[in-house]
């Protein structure tokens, strides 16, 4: 599998996202505990060395499953988490953006994962319209203090690299003026390329770009990606699933794109990992690129 730098790590371009490990609504224990453990162990067997998680997946559940299945961790495994939000008693996703809250969340991740250092932690910014819209810089002073908290955690050795998530181009430009950014996570897929300017800047600077919802939002009633005629045609031609074709297209967009498709099924994990071997010809790329 091709690799790309994620800070001090070189990771395969197809990783694994742990969001689907907890129960429905990303809450509580998994539907099938043994299958969840089997998925995580199969991740390592397949040579995947990039796992994306968060303390608020469960909450705690995803991290505790990762620890149970994989600790002590392989030396080349990049564990990446995110901070900036928590779950309240009604299971809502609630911003927790103060510098002290960010620090506490980093420490909570380290504790539940039973590790001294994370490969990277993404600062998840909440300030846009809608749950997954890129935020705008509404409070420059707060963002500067958030960056300072992340820089301090890195300089103290708690995290190896700083990432940003759900951000605007302005956020990235401000951050790059202050420090190194090793990864950016924003919504991006075949039907929604709002974050294309961010991806372009990341490509220019050699920063990994990790699209979330590469198959369309898991929370949307309709999926414009998997049901798109161009995706369906190419899947039929190649004898692959629409999901595999959509993921392969996303990988082909730029060399710094890293995928973290999530699943709670070993079979789906193996299907997702196989997209690294799919080669789309120029006609297919052209048809799929026109699908937005």
Protein backbone atom coordinates (compact mmCIF):
# COMPACT_ATOMS: atom_id res chain seq x y z
CA UNK A 1 0.00 0.00 0.00
CA UNK A 2 1.20 3.51 -0.78
CA UNK A 3 2.11 5.65 2.22
CA UNK A 4 2.14 9.33 3.08
CA UNK A 5 3.65 11.18 6.06
CA UNK A 6 1.42 11.96 9.00
CA UNK A 7 3.82 14.00 11.07
CA UNK A 8 6.64 11.70 12.16
CA UNK A 9 4.75 8.59 10.98
CA UNK A 10 4.51 7.16 7.47
CA UNK A 11 1.05 5.62 7.24
CA UNK A 12 -0.76 3.61 4.61
CA UNK A 13 -3.17 5.69 2.60
CA UNK A 14 -6.08 3.52 3.76
CA UNK A 15 -6.48 3.58 7.53
CA UNK A 16 -9.34 2.79 9.87
CA UNK A 17 -11.87 5.02 11.62
CA UNK A 18 -13.23 3.81 14.96
CA UNK A 19 -16.47 5.81 14.97
CA UNK A 20 -18.66 2.80 14.17
CA UNK A 21 -17.30 0.61 16.95
CA UNK A 22 -19.69 1.82 19.70
CA UNK A 23 -23.41 1.13 19.63
CA UNK A 24 -26.13 2.95 17.66
CA UNK A 25 -25.72 6.70 17.61
CA UNK A 26 -22.04 6.24 18.53
CA UNK A 27 -23.22 5.52 22.06
CA UNK A 28 -22.64 2.71 24.51
CA UNK A 29 -21.13 -0.71 23.99
CA UNK A 30 -20.90 -2.34 20.56
CA UNK A 31 -23.69 -4.55 19.27
CA UNK A 32 -21.18 -7.41 19.11
CA UNK A 33 -18.15 -7.01 21.39
CA UNK A 34 -16.24 -9.99 19.97
CA UNK A 35 -16.72 -8.77 16.41
CA UNK A 36 -15.46 -5.30 17.38
CA UNK A 37 -12.31 -6.82 18.85
CA UNK A 38 -11.90 -9.02 15.76
CA UNK A 39 -12.18 -5.97 13.49
CA UNK A 40 -9.43 -4.14 15.35
CA UNK A 41 -7.10 -7.13 15.31
CA UNK A 42 -7.79 -7.65 11.62
CA UNK A 43 -6.82 -4.00 11.06
CA UNK A 44 -3.29 -4.81 12.20
CA UNK A 45 -3.20 -8.11 10.28
CA UNK A 46 -4.04 -6.21 7.08
CA UNK A 47 -1.07 -3.91 7.61
CA UNK A 48 -3.12 -0.85 8.50
CA UNK A 49 -1.09 1.47 10.72
CA UNK A 50 -3.39 4.49 11.10
CA UNK A 51 -6.38 4.38 13.46
CA UNK A 52 -8.57 7.43 13.97
CA UNK A 53 -10.60 7.64 17.17
CA UNK A 54 -12.06 10.08 19.71
CA UNK A 55 -12.82 10.08 23.40
CA UNK A 56 -16.42 11.09 22.65
CA UNK A 57 -17.04 7.96 20.54
CA UNK A 58 -19.08 6.04 23.07
CA UNK A 59 -18.02 8.05 25.02
CA UNK A 60 -14.88 6.14 26.04
CA UNK A 61 -16.04 2.99 24.23
CA UNK A 62 -13.95 3.21 21.05
CA UNK A 63 -10.75 3.97 22.93
CA UNK A 64 -11.31 1.20 25.46
CA UNK A 65 -11.94 -1.34 22.68
CA UNK A 66 -8.75 -0.25 20.90
CA UNK A 67 -6.79 -0.70 24.11
CA UNK A 68 -8.35 -4.10 24.83
CA UNK A 69 -7.69 -5.40 21.33
CA UNK A 70 -4.28 -3.94 20.52
CA UNK A 71 -2.35 -2.89 23.62
CA UNK A 72 0.67 -2.99 23.70
CA UNK A 73 0.58 -1.21 20.36
CA UNK A 74 2.84 -1.88 17.38
CA UNK A 75 5.62 0.70 17.21
CA UNK A 76 4.52 1.93 13.77
CA UNK A 77 0.84 2.37 14.68
CA UNK A 78 -0.32 5.98 14.43
CA UNK A 79 -3.14 6.55 16.91
CA UNK A 80 -4.91 9.80 16.07
CA UNK A 81 -7.67 11.36 18.12
CA UNK A 82 -9.60 14.60 18.22
CA UNK A 83 -10.61 17.11 20.85
CA UNK A 84 -13.05 19.99 21.03
CA UNK A 85 -16.29 18.24 21.89
CA UNK A 86 -18.02 16.04 24.45
CA UNK A 87 -21.34 14.20 24.78
CA UNK A 88 -23.92 15.47 27.24
CA UNK A 89 -26.43 13.44 29.26
CA UNK A 90 -28.86 13.50 26.33
CA UNK A 91 -26.12 12.18 24.00
CA UNK A 92 -25.86 15.47 22.11
CA UNK A 93 -22.55 16.48 20.55
CA UNK A 94 -21.53 19.51 22.59
CA UNK A 95 -18.61 21.88 21.90
CA UNK A 96 -15.89 21.92 24.58
CA UNK A 97 -13.49 24.45 23.15
CA UNK A 98 -11.76 26.16 26.05
CA UNK A 99 -7.99 25.54 26.22
CA UNK A 100 -8.33 23.78 29.59
CA UNK A 101 -11.03 21.52 28.15
CA UNK A 102 -8.79 20.62 25.21
CA UNK A 103 -5.98 19.69 27.58
CA UNK A 104 -8.30 17.54 29.68
CA UNK A 105 -9.56 15.73 26.59
CA UNK A 106 -6.01 14.99 25.45
CA UNK A 107 -5.23 13.53 28.86
CA UNK A 108 -8.48 11.51 28.82
CA UNK A 109 -7.50 10.02 25.45
CA UNK A 110 -4.08 9.07 26.75
CA UNK A 111 -5.63 7.46 29.83
CA UNK A 112 -8.29 5.39 28.04
CA UNK A 113 -5.89 4.31 25.30
CA UNK A 114 -3.17 3.57 27.89
CA UNK A 115 -0.46 5.34 25.96
CA UNK A 116 1.99 8.14 26.76
CA UNK A 117 1.79 9.85 23.39
CA UNK A 118 -0.58 10.14 20.43
CA UNK A 119 0.66 10.40 16.85
CA UNK A 120 -1.59 13.41 16.32
CA UNK A 121 -4.62 15.09 17.82
CA UNK A 122 -7.07 17.11 15.76
CA UNK A 123 -8.59 20.27 17.15
CA UNK A 124 -12.23 19.92 16.07
CA UNK A 125 -13.59 23.43 15.60
CA UNK A 126 -17.31 24.00 16.16
CA UNK A 127 -18.52 27.28 14.69
CA UNK A 128 -20.10 26.61 11.29
CA UNK A 129 -23.69 26.23 10.17
CA UNK A 130 -24.73 22.60 10.51
CA UNK A 131 -22.96 19.78 12.35
CA UNK A 132 -20.36 19.12 9.65
CA UNK A 133 -19.96 22.49 7.97
CA UNK A 134 -16.46 24.00 8.00
CA UNK A 135 -16.26 26.58 10.75
CA UNK A 136 -15.44 30.22 10.34
CA UNK A 137 -13.03 32.18 12.51
CA UNK A 138 -15.54 33.92 14.71
CA UNK A 139 -13.17 34.44 17.66
CA UNK A 140 -9.53 34.89 16.65
CA UNK A 141 -8.40 35.31 20.26
CA UNK A 142 -10.00 31.99 21.28
CA UNK A 143 -8.48 30.18 18.30
CA UNK A 144 -5.04 31.52 19.19
CA UNK A 145 -5.46 30.25 22.77
CA UNK A 146 -6.62 26.87 21.45
CA UNK A 147 -3.52 26.65 19.26
CA UNK A 148 -1.36 27.55 22.24
CA UNK A 149 -2.87 24.67 24.24
CA UNK A 150 -2.21 22.26 21.38
CA UNK A 151 1.36 23.53 20.91
CA UNK A 152 2.03 23.14 24.64
CA UNK A 153 0.74 19.53 24.60
CA UNK A 154 3.01 18.78 21.64
CA UNK A 155 6.04 20.46 23.18
CA UNK A 156 5.48 18.49 26.40
CA UNK A 157 5.43 15.25 24.42
CA UNK A 158 1.77 14.30 24.90
CA UNK A 159 1.11 14.44 21.16
CA UNK A 160 3.53 14.14 18.28
CA UNK A 161 1.61 16.37 15.88
CA UNK A 162 -1.21 18.90 15.72
CA UNK A 163 -4.17 18.48 13.37
CA UNK A 164 -7.25 20.55 12.60
CA UNK A 165 -10.79 19.41 11.79
CA UNK A 166 -13.91 21.06 10.33
CA UNK A 167 -11.99 24.21 9.61
CA UNK A 168 -11.96 27.01 7.07
CA UNK A 169 -9.02 28.02 4.91
CA UNK A 170 -8.53 30.99 7.23
CA UNK A 171 -8.07 28.66 10.23
CA UNK A 172 -5.35 26.78 8.39
CA UNK A 173 -3.56 29.94 7.31
CA UNK A 174 -3.59 31.32 10.86
CA UNK A 175 -2.33 28.02 12.26
CA UNK A 176 0.48 27.67 9.71
CA UNK A 177 1.73 31.12 10.64
CA UNK A 178 2.22 29.84 14.20
CA UNK A 179 3.20 26.18 14.01
CA UNK A 180 3.44 22.98 11.97
CA UNK A 181 0.15 21.28 11.12
CA UNK A 182 0.46 17.59 10.22
CA UNK A 183 -3.09 16.75 9.18
CA UNK A 184 -6.46 18.27 8.32
CA UNK A 185 -9.84 16.50 8.59
CA UNK A 186 -12.79 18.00 6.74
CA UNK A 187 -15.90 16.67 5.05
CA UNK A 188 -15.10 15.81 1.43
CA UNK A 189 -16.53 13.36 -1.06
CA UNK A 190 -17.43 12.92 -4.68
CA UNK A 191 -20.65 14.93 -4.27
CA UNK A 192 -19.40 17.58 -1.82
CA UNK A 193 -16.10 19.27 -2.58
CA UNK A 194 -16.60 22.40 -0.54
CA UNK A 195 -13.23 21.79 1.11
CA UNK A 196 -11.33 21.58 -2.20
CA UNK A 197 -9.41 24.86 -1.53
CA UNK A 198 -8.24 23.40 1.80
CA UNK A 199 -7.17 20.17 0.12
CA UNK A 200 -5.22 22.16 -2.47
CA UNK A 201 -3.31 24.09 0.22
CA UNK A 202 -2.63 20.88 2.15
CA UNK A 203 -1.27 19.27 -1.02
CA UNK A 204 0.97 22.29 -1.63
CA UNK A 205 2.36 22.13 1.93
CA UNK A 206 2.68 18.33 2.15
CA UNK A 207 -0.01 18.07 4.84
CA UNK A 208 -2.11 14.93 4.99
CA UNK A 209 -5.80 15.49 4.24
CA UNK A 210 -8.27 13.07 5.81
CA UNK A 211 -11.79 13.34 4.37
CA UNK A 212 -14.57 12.37 6.70
CA UNK A 213 -17.84 11.09 5.23
CA UNK A 214 -16.08 10.07 1.97
CA UNK A 215 -19.19 7.99 1.20
CA UNK A 216 -21.59 10.77 2.11
CA UNK A 217 -22.88 11.71 5.54
CA UNK A 218 -23.98 8.82 7.71
CA UNK A 219 -26.59 11.17 9.20
CA UNK A 220 -28.20 12.35 5.94
CA UNK A 221 -31.50 10.82 4.75
CA UNK A 222 -30.27 10.49 1.15
CA UNK A 223 -26.84 9.50 -0.08
CA UNK A 224 -25.79 11.36 -3.24
CA UNK A 225 -22.51 9.44 -3.47
CA UNK A 226 -23.32 5.74 -3.47
CA UNK A 227 -26.46 6.16 -5.54
CA UNK A 228 -24.89 8.35 -8.21
CA UNK A 229 -25.19 6.82 -11.72
CA UNK A 230 -21.49 7.32 -12.47
CA UNK A 231 -20.53 5.43 -9.32
CA UNK A 232 -23.02 2.68 -10.09
CA UNK A 233 -21.75 2.33 -13.67
CA UNK A 234 -18.11 2.08 -12.66
CA UNK A 235 -18.88 -0.39 -9.88
CA UNK A 236 -20.71 -2.63 -12.34
CA UNK A 237 -17.87 -2.40 -14.87
CA UNK A 238 -15.17 -3.27 -12.33
CA UNK A 239 -17.17 -5.84 -10.36
CA UNK A 240 -16.75 -3.77 -7.22
CA UNK A 241 -19.15 -2.19 -4.76
CA UNK A 242 -20.21 1.46 -5.15
CA UNK A 243 -18.50 2.19 -1.83
CA UNK A 244 -15.21 0.79 -3.12
CA UNK A 245 -15.41 2.90 -6.27
CA UNK A 246 -16.21 6.08 -4.32
CA UNK A 247 -13.30 5.46 -1.94
CA UNK A 248 -10.93 4.69 -4.82
CA UNK A 249 -11.93 7.94 -6.52
CA UNK A 250 -11.25 9.88 -3.32
CA UNK A 251 -7.78 8.32 -3.07
CA UNK A 252 -7.06 9.32 -6.67
CA UNK A 253 -7.76 13.02 -6.09
CA UNK A 254 -4.38 13.83 -4.49
CA UNK A 255 -1.39 11.88 -3.12
CA UNK A 256 -1.82 13.32 0.39
CA UNK A 257 -5.40 12.03 0.83
CA UNK A 258 -5.64 9.45 3.62
CA UNK A 259 -8.82 7.42 4.04
CA UNK A 260 -10.21 6.27 7.40
CA UNK A 261 -13.35 4.31 6.45
CA UNK A 262 -15.05 2.87 9.52
CA UNK A 263 -16.94 -0.33 10.03
CA UNK A 264 -17.89 -2.80 12.74
CA UNK A 265 -17.66 -5.75 10.31
CA UNK A 266 -14.54 -7.70 9.38
CA UNK A 267 -15.96 -8.30 5.90
CA UNK A 268 -16.52 -4.60 5.27
CA UNK A 269 -13.08 -3.80 6.68
CA UNK A 270 -11.50 -6.12 4.12
CA UNK A 271 -13.57 -4.59 1.32
CA UNK A 272 -12.55 -1.08 2.38
CA UNK A 273 -8.87 -2.00 2.54
CA UNK A 274 -9.01 -3.51 -0.96
CA UNK A 275 -9.70 -0.09 -2.51
CA UNK A 276 -5.97 0.60 -2.43
CA UNK A 277 -5.65 -1.85 -5.34
CA UNK A 278 -8.40 -0.34 -7.53
CA UNK A 279 -7.11 1.51 -10.57
CA UNK A 280 -9.53 3.91 -12.20
CA UNK A 281 -8.83 4.75 -15.83
CA UNK A 282 -8.92 8.32 -17.14
CA UNK A 283 -12.47 7.98 -18.50
CA UNK A 284 -13.72 6.74 -15.13
CA UNK A 285 -11.99 9.56 -13.25
CA UNK A 286 -13.47 12.10 -15.67
CA UNK A 287 -17.01 10.70 -15.29
CA UNK A 288 -16.74 10.54 -11.51
CA UNK A 289 -15.21 14.01 -11.23
CA UNK A 290 -18.24 15.40 -13.08
CA UNK A 291 -20.58 13.92 -10.47
CA UNK A 292 -20.48 16.83 -8.03
